[in-house]
């Protein structure tokens, strides 16, 4: 199956489920015979459960994790703040995307946490918008993360805002393997 026109989709908002929506879309695309690439921004480390599953589908999906490890599995807490190496890793992620666009081997490219990475100042929205203008016409893009900039929303074909009505973390329950990472 070949896409005639790839759309740009955004999953954003303060609620849980943006990466899950992106990964779910990847699974659906794989089921339709499409080739998928996932560039994970600001998600260093090897404790993300979705990667373990996607490793089993390696003939259908290529994964490119970038970023420093922000998660401490022992305390189930995250490191906040931006260091120089975070910025360098984000730039590496953009370079990977540029290469994926040039190769044109994938039908769907997911830019996981690109919205948050932009909001935190690790990449500039204008640079990402310019990069997206060079995507192959038949390549679908999914952008995930909180705080999607207006510049991304303007070029998107779909924007879904995910919000919490209720969340167990507000009761003091930490991130849970298999559900939150």
N, C-alpha and C. Protein backbone atom coordinates (compact mmCIF):
# COMPACT_ATOMS: atom_id res chain seq x y z
N UNK A 1 0.85 -1.18 0.00
CA UNK A 1 0.00 0.00 0.00
C UNK A 1 0.89 1.24 0.00
N UNK A 2 0.58 2.20 -0.85
CA UNK A 2 1.33 3.45 -0.88
C UNK A 2 0.38 4.61 -0.63
N UNK A 3 0.77 5.49 0.25
CA UNK A 3 -0.04 6.66 0.54
C UNK A 3 0.07 7.66 -0.62
N UNK A 4 -1.07 8.21 -1.02
CA UNK A 4 -1.04 9.23 -2.07
C UNK A 4 -0.65 10.57 -1.48
N UNK A 5 -1.11 10.83 -0.27
CA UNK A 5 -0.77 12.08 0.41
C UNK A 5 -0.67 11.81 1.90
N UNK A 6 0.48 12.07 2.46
CA UNK A 6 0.67 11.90 3.89
C UNK A 6 0.23 13.14 4.64
N UNK A 7 -0.49 12.95 5.68
CA UNK A 7 -0.99 14.04 6.53
C UNK A 7 -0.01 14.30 7.67
N UNK A 8 -0.23 15.41 8.36
CA UNK A 8 0.49 15.71 9.59
C UNK A 8 -0.54 15.69 10.71
N UNK A 9 -0.32 14.81 11.68
CA UNK A 9 -1.21 14.65 12.83
C UNK A 9 -0.48 15.08 14.09
N UNK A 10 -1.23 15.67 15.01
CA UNK A 10 -0.66 16.08 16.30
C UNK A 10 -1.52 15.51 17.42
N UNK A 11 -0.85 14.87 18.39
CA UNK A 11 -1.49 14.46 19.64
C UNK A 11 -0.83 15.29 20.73
N UNK A 12 -1.58 16.18 21.35
CA UNK A 12 -1.01 17.11 22.33
C UNK A 12 -1.97 17.23 23.52
N UNK A 13 -1.62 18.06 24.46
CA UNK A 13 -2.46 18.31 25.62
C UNK A 13 -1.83 17.80 26.89
N UNK A 14 -2.43 18.17 28.03
CA UNK A 14 -1.85 17.82 29.33
C UNK A 14 -2.19 16.42 29.82
N UNK A 15 -2.99 15.67 29.07
CA UNK A 15 -3.43 14.36 29.53
C UNK A 15 -2.50 13.23 29.14
N UNK A 16 -2.71 12.08 29.76
CA UNK A 16 -1.95 10.86 29.49
C UNK A 16 -2.46 10.24 28.20
N UNK A 17 -1.54 9.77 27.35
CA UNK A 17 -1.98 9.00 26.20
C UNK A 17 -1.49 9.48 24.84
N UNK A 18 -0.65 10.50 24.81
CA UNK A 18 -0.19 11.03 23.51
C UNK A 18 0.77 10.07 22.82
N UNK A 19 1.77 9.60 23.53
CA UNK A 19 2.66 8.60 22.95
C UNK A 19 1.90 7.32 22.67
N UNK A 20 1.01 6.94 23.57
CA UNK A 20 0.20 5.73 23.36
C UNK A 20 -0.62 5.83 22.08
N UNK A 21 -1.16 7.01 21.80
CA UNK A 21 -1.92 7.21 20.56
C UNK A 21 -1.00 7.08 19.35
N UNK A 22 0.20 7.62 19.46
CA UNK A 22 1.16 7.50 18.36
C UNK A 22 1.57 6.06 18.12
N UNK A 23 1.85 5.33 19.19
CA UNK A 23 2.25 3.92 19.07
C UNK A 23 1.08 3.09 18.54
N UNK A 24 -0.11 3.38 19.00
CA UNK A 24 -1.29 2.70 18.48
C UNK A 24 -1.45 2.93 16.98
N UNK A 25 -1.19 4.14 16.54
CA UNK A 25 -1.24 4.45 15.10
C UNK A 25 -0.16 3.67 14.35
N UNK A 26 1.00 3.52 14.96
CA UNK A 26 2.08 2.73 14.34
C UNK A 26 1.65 1.28 14.17
N UNK A 27 1.05 0.71 15.20
CA UNK A 27 0.59 -0.68 15.13
C UNK A 27 -0.45 -0.83 14.03
N UNK A 28 -1.37 0.10 13.95
CA UNK A 28 -2.40 0.07 12.90
C UNK A 28 -1.74 0.17 11.51
N UNK A 29 -0.77 1.06 11.35
CA UNK A 29 -0.09 1.23 10.07
C UNK A 29 0.66 -0.05 9.68
N UNK A 30 1.34 -0.66 10.65
CA UNK A 30 2.06 -1.90 10.39
C UNK A 30 1.08 -2.97 9.92
N UNK A 31 -0.08 -3.03 10.56
CA UNK A 31 -1.10 -4.00 10.18
C UNK A 31 -1.59 -3.80 8.75
N UNK A 32 -1.50 -2.57 8.25
CA UNK A 32 -1.91 -2.27 6.88
C UNK A 32 -0.76 -2.43 5.89
N UNK A 33 0.40 -2.91 6.39
CA UNK A 33 1.53 -3.14 5.51
C UNK A 33 2.41 -1.93 5.28
N UNK A 34 2.26 -0.90 6.10
CA UNK A 34 3.07 0.31 5.96
C UNK A 34 4.36 0.19 6.76
N UNK A 35 5.37 0.89 6.33
CA UNK A 35 6.67 0.91 6.99
C UNK A 35 6.74 2.13 7.92
N UNK A 36 7.16 1.94 9.16
CA UNK A 36 7.10 2.96 10.20
C UNK A 36 8.49 3.26 10.75
N UNK A 37 8.73 4.54 11.06
CA UNK A 37 9.91 4.97 11.81
C UNK A 37 9.44 5.81 12.99
N UNK A 38 10.09 5.64 14.12
CA UNK A 38 9.77 6.41 15.31
C UNK A 38 11.04 7.08 15.81
N UNK A 39 11.01 8.41 15.82
CA UNK A 39 12.11 9.19 16.38
C UNK A 39 11.61 9.69 17.73
N UNK A 40 12.18 9.16 18.80
CA UNK A 40 11.77 9.54 20.15
C UNK A 40 12.69 10.64 20.65
N UNK A 41 12.11 11.80 20.92
CA UNK A 41 12.88 12.93 21.44
C UNK A 41 12.86 12.90 22.95
N UNK A 42 14.00 13.22 23.55
CA UNK A 42 14.12 13.38 25.00
C UNK A 42 13.71 12.12 25.74
N UNK A 43 13.99 10.96 25.14
CA UNK A 43 13.64 9.69 25.77
C UNK A 43 14.81 8.73 25.71
N UNK A 44 15.93 9.14 26.31
CA UNK A 44 17.07 8.24 26.40
C UNK A 44 16.79 7.15 27.41
N UNK A 45 17.63 6.18 27.44
CA UNK A 45 17.44 5.06 28.36
C UNK A 45 16.76 3.90 27.66
N UNK A 46 16.74 2.76 28.34
CA UNK A 46 16.19 1.56 27.72
C UNK A 46 15.00 0.99 28.48
N UNK A 47 14.32 1.80 29.25
CA UNK A 47 13.25 1.30 30.11
C UNK A 47 11.85 1.56 29.56
N UNK A 48 11.75 2.02 28.31
CA UNK A 48 10.44 2.30 27.72
C UNK A 48 9.86 1.00 27.16
N UNK A 49 8.80 0.52 27.76
CA UNK A 49 8.24 -0.79 27.41
C UNK A 49 7.81 -0.88 25.96
N UNK A 50 7.32 0.22 25.38
CA UNK A 50 6.88 0.16 23.99
C UNK A 50 8.03 -0.21 23.05
N UNK A 51 9.24 0.19 23.39
CA UNK A 51 10.39 -0.14 22.54
C UNK A 51 10.64 -1.65 22.52
N UNK A 52 10.45 -2.29 23.67
CA UNK A 52 10.66 -3.74 23.74
C UNK A 52 9.68 -4.47 22.81
N UNK A 53 8.46 -4.02 22.78
CA UNK A 53 7.46 -4.62 21.89
C UNK A 53 7.79 -4.31 20.44
N UNK A 54 8.11 -3.06 20.15
CA UNK A 54 8.41 -2.67 18.78
C UNK A 54 9.67 -3.34 18.26
N UNK A 55 10.60 -3.71 19.16
CA UNK A 55 11.78 -4.47 18.76
C UNK A 55 11.38 -5.80 18.10
N UNK A 56 10.27 -6.36 18.56
CA UNK A 56 9.78 -7.62 17.99
C UNK A 56 9.20 -7.43 16.59
N UNK A 57 8.93 -6.18 16.25
CA UNK A 57 8.38 -5.86 14.93
C UNK A 57 9.42 -5.15 14.07
N UNK A 58 10.68 -5.43 14.33
CA UNK A 58 11.79 -4.69 13.71
C UNK A 58 11.77 -4.74 12.19
N UNK A 59 11.18 -5.74 11.60
CA UNK A 59 11.13 -5.78 10.13
C UNK A 59 10.13 -4.77 9.58
N UNK A 60 9.30 -4.19 10.46
CA UNK A 60 8.27 -3.23 10.03
C UNK A 60 8.48 -1.82 10.58
N UNK A 61 9.30 -1.69 11.61
CA UNK A 61 9.46 -0.39 12.27
C UNK A 61 10.92 -0.17 12.65
N UNK A 62 11.39 1.04 12.39
CA UNK A 62 12.73 1.46 12.81
C UNK A 62 12.59 2.46 13.94
N UNK A 63 13.38 2.26 15.00
CA UNK A 63 13.31 3.15 16.16
C UNK A 63 14.60 3.93 16.31
N UNK A 64 14.46 5.22 16.64
CA UNK A 64 15.59 6.11 16.81
C UNK A 64 15.42 6.90 18.11
N UNK A 65 15.80 6.33 19.25
CA UNK A 65 15.69 7.07 20.50
C UNK A 65 16.77 8.14 20.60
N UNK A 66 16.41 9.31 21.07
CA UNK A 66 17.38 10.39 21.31
C UNK A 66 17.12 10.95 22.70
N UNK A 67 18.08 11.68 23.20
CA UNK A 67 17.93 12.33 24.49
C UNK A 67 18.66 11.62 25.60
N UNK A 68 18.83 12.35 26.67
CA UNK A 68 19.42 11.77 27.88
C UNK A 68 18.35 10.99 28.62
N UNK A 69 18.76 10.13 29.50
CA UNK A 69 17.81 9.37 30.31
C UNK A 69 17.24 10.30 31.38
N UNK A 70 15.96 10.56 31.32
CA UNK A 70 15.31 11.44 32.30
C UNK A 70 14.60 10.65 33.40
N UNK A 71 14.46 9.36 33.24
CA UNK A 71 13.65 8.58 34.16
C UNK A 71 14.52 7.73 35.06
N UNK A 72 14.21 7.75 36.36
CA UNK A 72 14.89 6.90 37.32
C UNK A 72 13.92 5.78 37.70
N UNK A 73 14.12 4.56 37.18
CA UNK A 73 13.16 3.48 37.46
C UNK A 73 13.10 3.06 38.92
N UNK A 74 14.17 3.29 39.67
CA UNK A 74 14.16 2.92 41.09
C UNK A 74 13.21 3.79 41.89
N UNK A 75 13.22 5.10 41.62
CA UNK A 75 12.33 6.01 42.35
C UNK A 75 11.06 6.32 41.56
N UNK A 76 11.03 5.87 40.29
CA UNK A 76 9.91 6.12 39.37
C UNK A 76 9.63 7.62 39.25
N UNK A 77 10.70 8.39 39.16
CA UNK A 77 10.60 9.84 39.01
C UNK A 77 11.36 10.29 37.76
N UNK A 78 11.05 11.52 37.32
CA UNK A 78 11.66 12.08 36.12
C UNK A 78 12.57 13.25 36.48
N UNK A 79 13.62 13.44 35.69
CA UNK A 79 14.50 14.61 35.83
C UNK A 79 13.93 15.71 34.96
N UNK A 80 13.82 16.89 35.49
CA UNK A 80 13.33 18.05 34.75
C UNK A 80 14.50 19.00 34.49
N UNK A 81 14.30 19.96 33.61
CA UNK A 81 15.35 20.91 33.27
C UNK A 81 16.02 20.52 31.96
N UNK A 82 16.73 21.47 31.39
CA UNK A 82 17.38 21.26 30.09
C UNK A 82 18.87 21.54 30.23
N UNK A 83 19.68 20.58 29.82
CA UNK A 83 21.13 20.71 29.83
C UNK A 83 21.63 20.82 28.39
N UNK A 84 22.87 21.25 28.21
CA UNK A 84 23.44 21.37 26.86
C UNK A 84 23.34 20.06 26.09
N UNK A 85 23.57 18.95 26.74
CA UNK A 85 23.50 17.65 26.06
C UNK A 85 22.08 17.34 25.59
N UNK A 86 21.05 17.82 26.32
CA UNK A 86 19.66 17.66 25.87
C UNK A 86 19.46 18.35 24.52
N UNK A 87 20.01 19.56 24.40
CA UNK A 87 19.90 20.34 23.16
C UNK A 87 20.63 19.63 22.03
N UNK A 88 21.80 19.11 22.31
CA UNK A 88 22.57 18.38 21.29
C UNK A 88 21.83 17.13 20.83
N UNK A 89 21.22 16.43 21.75
CA UNK A 89 20.45 15.24 21.40
C UNK A 89 19.23 15.59 20.56
N UNK A 90 18.57 16.70 20.87
CA UNK A 90 17.42 17.14 20.06
C UNK A 90 17.87 17.47 18.64
N UNK A 91 19.02 18.11 18.50
CA UNK A 91 19.56 18.40 17.17
C UNK A 91 19.86 17.10 16.41
N UNK A 92 20.34 16.12 17.13
CA UNK A 92 20.58 14.81 16.51
C UNK A 92 19.27 14.21 16.01
N UNK A 93 18.21 14.38 16.77
CA UNK A 93 16.89 13.90 16.35
C UNK A 93 16.43 14.54 15.05
N UNK A 94 16.64 15.86 14.93
CA UNK A 94 16.28 16.56 13.69
C UNK A 94 17.11 16.04 12.52
N UNK A 95 18.36 15.74 12.77
CA UNK A 95 19.23 15.19 11.73
C UNK A 95 18.72 13.82 11.26
N UNK A 96 18.26 13.02 12.19
CA UNK A 96 17.70 11.71 11.85
C UNK A 96 16.47 11.89 10.96
N UNK A 97 15.60 12.83 11.33
CA UNK A 97 14.39 13.08 10.52
C UNK A 97 14.78 13.51 9.10
N UNK A 98 15.73 14.41 9.01
CA UNK A 98 16.20 14.88 7.70
C UNK A 98 16.65 13.68 6.85
N UNK A 99 17.40 12.77 7.46
CA UNK A 99 17.87 11.59 6.76
C UNK A 99 16.70 10.69 6.35
N UNK A 100 15.72 10.52 7.23
CA UNK A 100 14.55 9.70 6.90
C UNK A 100 13.79 10.29 5.71
N UNK A 101 13.67 11.62 5.68
CA UNK A 101 12.99 12.28 4.57
C UNK A 101 13.76 12.05 3.26
N UNK A 102 15.07 12.16 3.32
CA UNK A 102 15.89 11.98 2.12
C UNK A 102 15.82 10.55 1.60
N UNK A 103 15.81 9.58 2.52
CA UNK A 103 15.74 8.17 2.11
C UNK A 103 14.36 7.81 1.61
N UNK A 104 13.31 8.36 2.23
CA UNK A 104 11.94 8.12 1.78
C UNK A 104 11.49 6.67 1.86
N UNK A 105 12.00 5.91 2.79
CA UNK A 105 11.69 4.48 2.90
C UNK A 105 10.49 4.19 3.79
N UNK A 106 9.99 5.19 4.51
CA UNK A 106 8.93 4.97 5.49
C UNK A 106 7.64 5.66 5.05
N UNK A 107 6.53 5.04 5.42
CA UNK A 107 5.21 5.61 5.13
C UNK A 107 4.75 6.51 6.27
N UNK A 108 5.12 6.16 7.48
CA UNK A 108 4.74 6.90 8.68
C UNK A 108 5.99 7.17 9.49
N UNK A 109 6.18 8.43 9.88
CA UNK A 109 7.29 8.80 10.77
C UNK A 109 6.66 9.49 11.98
N UNK A 110 6.91 8.93 13.15
CA UNK A 110 6.39 9.48 14.40
C UNK A 110 7.49 10.27 15.08
N UNK A 111 7.20 11.51 15.40
CA UNK A 111 8.13 12.38 16.12
C UNK A 111 7.64 12.46 17.56
N UNK A 112 7.99 11.45 18.33
CA UNK A 112 7.48 11.32 19.69
C UNK A 112 8.14 12.37 20.59
N UNK A 113 7.32 13.13 21.28
CA UNK A 113 7.72 14.19 22.21
C UNK A 113 8.39 15.39 21.54
N UNK A 114 8.20 15.56 20.25
CA UNK A 114 8.75 16.75 19.58
C UNK A 114 8.09 18.02 20.10
N UNK A 115 6.81 17.95 20.44
CA UNK A 115 6.11 19.15 20.94
C UNK A 115 6.73 19.62 22.25
N UNK A 116 6.92 18.72 23.17
CA UNK A 116 7.50 19.05 24.47
C UNK A 116 8.95 19.52 24.31
N UNK A 117 9.69 18.85 23.43
CA UNK A 117 11.07 19.22 23.17
C UNK A 117 11.16 20.66 22.67
N UNK A 118 10.20 21.03 21.83
CA UNK A 118 10.16 22.40 21.32
C UNK A 118 9.78 23.37 22.44
N UNK A 119 8.76 23.02 23.21
CA UNK A 119 8.30 23.88 24.30
C UNK A 119 9.43 24.15 25.31
N UNK A 120 10.28 23.15 25.53
CA UNK A 120 11.38 23.30 26.48
C UNK A 120 12.58 24.04 25.89
N UNK A 121 12.50 24.41 24.61
CA UNK A 121 13.55 25.20 23.99
C UNK A 121 14.72 24.41 23.45
N UNK A 122 14.57 23.10 23.32
CA UNK A 122 15.66 22.29 22.79
C UNK A 122 15.77 22.39 21.27
N UNK A 123 14.66 22.66 20.61
CA UNK A 123 14.63 22.92 19.16
C UNK A 123 13.69 24.10 18.94
N UNK A 124 13.87 24.80 17.84
CA UNK A 124 13.01 25.92 17.50
C UNK A 124 11.89 25.45 16.59
N UNK A 125 10.69 25.92 16.86
CA UNK A 125 9.53 25.54 16.05
C UNK A 125 9.75 25.85 14.58
N UNK A 126 10.34 27.00 14.28
CA UNK A 126 10.56 27.39 12.88
C UNK A 126 11.46 26.37 12.17
N UNK A 127 12.44 25.84 12.86
CA UNK A 127 13.34 24.84 12.26
C UNK A 127 12.58 23.55 11.94
N UNK A 128 11.70 23.16 12.84
CA UNK A 128 10.91 21.94 12.63
C UNK A 128 9.93 22.14 11.49
N UNK A 129 9.26 23.29 11.46
CA UNK A 129 8.30 23.58 10.38
C UNK A 129 9.03 23.57 9.03
N UNK A 130 10.20 24.18 8.98
CA UNK A 130 10.98 24.19 7.74
C UNK A 130 11.36 22.77 7.33
N UNK A 131 11.78 21.97 8.29
CA UNK A 131 12.12 20.58 8.01
C UNK A 131 10.91 19.82 7.48
N UNK A 132 9.75 20.02 8.10
CA UNK A 132 8.54 19.32 7.67
C UNK A 132 8.12 19.70 6.26
N UNK A 133 8.48 20.90 5.83
CA UNK A 133 8.13 21.31 4.47
C UNK A 133 8.88 20.48 3.43
N UNK A 134 9.92 19.75 3.85
CA UNK A 134 10.68 18.92 2.92
C UNK A 134 10.30 17.44 3.00
N UNK A 135 9.27 17.12 3.77
CA UNK A 135 8.89 15.71 3.88
C UNK A 135 8.34 15.22 2.54
N UNK A 136 8.55 13.96 2.23
CA UNK A 136 7.95 13.42 1.01
C UNK A 136 6.43 13.53 1.06
N UNK A 137 5.82 13.83 -0.06
CA UNK A 137 4.37 14.06 -0.12
C UNK A 137 3.57 12.87 0.39
N UNK A 138 4.06 11.68 0.17
CA UNK A 138 3.29 10.49 0.55
C UNK A 138 3.67 9.95 1.94
N UNK A 139 4.38 10.73 2.75
CA UNK A 139 4.78 10.30 4.09
C UNK A 139 3.89 10.95 5.14
N UNK A 140 3.32 10.13 6.01
CA UNK A 140 2.50 10.59 7.13
C UNK A 140 3.42 10.94 8.29
N UNK A 141 3.06 11.99 9.02
CA UNK A 141 3.83 12.43 10.19
C UNK A 141 2.88 12.48 11.38
N UNK A 142 3.34 11.95 12.51
CA UNK A 142 2.61 12.11 13.78
C UNK A 142 3.56 12.78 14.76
N UNK A 143 3.09 13.86 15.38
CA UNK A 143 3.88 14.62 16.35
C UNK A 143 3.18 14.51 17.70
N UNK A 144 3.92 14.08 18.73
CA UNK A 144 3.31 13.93 20.04
C UNK A 144 3.98 14.85 21.06
N UNK A 145 3.32 15.00 22.19
CA UNK A 145 3.87 15.76 23.31
C UNK A 145 2.98 16.92 23.72
N UNK A 146 3.14 17.31 24.95
CA UNK A 146 2.41 18.47 25.48
C UNK A 146 2.83 19.75 24.77
N UNK A 147 1.97 20.73 24.88
CA UNK A 147 2.30 22.10 24.45
C UNK A 147 2.74 22.22 22.99
N UNK A 148 1.98 21.62 22.10
CA UNK A 148 2.30 21.78 20.67
C UNK A 148 2.24 23.26 20.32
N UNK A 149 3.27 23.79 19.70
CA UNK A 149 3.26 25.20 19.34
C UNK A 149 2.20 25.48 18.26
N UNK A 150 1.72 26.72 18.25
CA UNK A 150 0.74 27.12 17.24
C UNK A 150 1.27 26.90 15.84
N UNK A 151 2.57 27.09 15.63
CA UNK A 151 3.16 26.90 14.30
C UNK A 151 2.95 25.47 13.82
N UNK A 152 3.00 24.49 14.72
CA UNK A 152 2.75 23.10 14.34
C UNK A 152 1.27 22.89 14.04
N UNK A 153 0.43 23.45 14.89
CA UNK A 153 -1.02 23.29 14.70
C UNK A 153 -1.47 23.89 13.37
N UNK A 154 -0.84 24.97 12.96
CA UNK A 154 -1.22 25.62 11.71
C UNK A 154 -0.94 24.75 10.49
N UNK A 155 0.13 23.97 10.49
CA UNK A 155 0.47 23.14 9.33
C UNK A 155 -0.15 21.75 9.42
N UNK A 156 -0.72 21.41 10.57
CA UNK A 156 -1.27 20.07 10.78
C UNK A 156 -2.60 19.89 10.06
N UNK A 157 -2.87 18.62 9.72
CA UNK A 157 -4.15 18.24 9.15
C UNK A 157 -5.09 17.74 10.23
N UNK A 158 -4.55 17.33 11.37
CA UNK A 158 -5.33 16.82 12.49
C UNK A 158 -4.63 17.24 13.77
N UNK A 159 -5.39 17.76 14.72
CA UNK A 159 -4.86 18.08 16.04
C UNK A 159 -5.83 17.50 17.07
N UNK A 160 -5.34 16.60 17.91
CA UNK A 160 -6.14 16.03 18.99
C UNK A 160 -5.56 16.49 20.31
N UNK A 161 -6.41 17.08 21.13
CA UNK A 161 -6.03 17.56 22.45
C UNK A 161 -6.45 16.50 23.47
N UNK A 162 -5.48 15.99 24.22
CA UNK A 162 -5.75 14.95 25.22
C UNK A 162 -5.62 15.58 26.60
N UNK A 163 -6.65 15.41 27.41
CA UNK A 163 -6.63 16.00 28.75
C UNK A 163 -7.09 14.96 29.76
N UNK A 164 -6.68 15.15 31.00
CA UNK A 164 -7.09 14.26 32.08
C UNK A 164 -8.37 14.77 32.71
N UNK A 165 -9.30 13.87 32.95
CA UNK A 165 -10.42 14.18 33.84
C UNK A 165 -10.08 13.70 35.24
N UNK A 166 -9.29 12.64 35.28
CA UNK A 166 -8.88 12.04 36.54
C UNK A 166 -7.58 11.30 36.26
N UNK A 167 -6.63 11.33 37.20
CA UNK A 167 -5.36 10.64 36.99
C UNK A 167 -4.86 10.11 38.33
N UNK A 168 -4.44 8.85 38.35
CA UNK A 168 -3.96 8.22 39.58
C UNK A 168 -2.70 8.86 40.12
N UNK A 169 -1.90 9.52 39.28
CA UNK A 169 -0.69 10.18 39.78
C UNK A 169 -1.02 11.31 40.74
N UNK A 170 -2.21 11.90 40.59
CA UNK A 170 -2.63 12.96 41.52
C UNK A 170 -2.92 12.42 42.91
N UNK A 171 -3.00 11.09 43.02
CA UNK A 171 -3.17 10.43 44.32
C UNK A 171 -1.82 10.01 44.89
N UNK A 172 -0.74 10.38 44.19
CA UNK A 172 0.60 10.04 44.67
C UNK A 172 1.13 8.73 44.14
N UNK A 173 0.43 8.12 43.19
CA UNK A 173 0.90 6.87 42.60
C UNK A 173 1.89 7.21 41.50
N UNK A 174 3.09 6.66 41.59
CA UNK A 174 4.15 6.96 40.62
C UNK A 174 3.95 6.28 39.29
N UNK A 175 4.83 6.57 38.35
CA UNK A 175 4.78 5.98 37.01
C UNK A 175 4.90 4.46 37.11
N UNK A 176 4.09 3.76 36.33
CA UNK A 176 4.04 2.30 36.40
C UNK A 176 4.52 1.69 35.09
N UNK A 177 5.47 0.75 35.23
CA UNK A 177 6.01 0.06 34.05
C UNK A 177 4.89 -0.66 33.33
N UNK A 178 4.90 -0.55 32.02
CA UNK A 178 3.88 -1.20 31.20
C UNK A 178 2.66 -0.32 30.95
N UNK A 179 2.54 0.75 31.72
CA UNK A 179 1.41 1.67 31.55
C UNK A 179 1.86 3.09 31.30
N UNK A 180 2.92 3.50 31.97
CA UNK A 180 3.41 4.89 31.86
C UNK A 180 4.79 4.97 31.22
N UNK A 181 5.47 3.87 31.11
CA UNK A 181 6.77 3.83 30.44
C UNK A 181 7.04 2.41 30.01
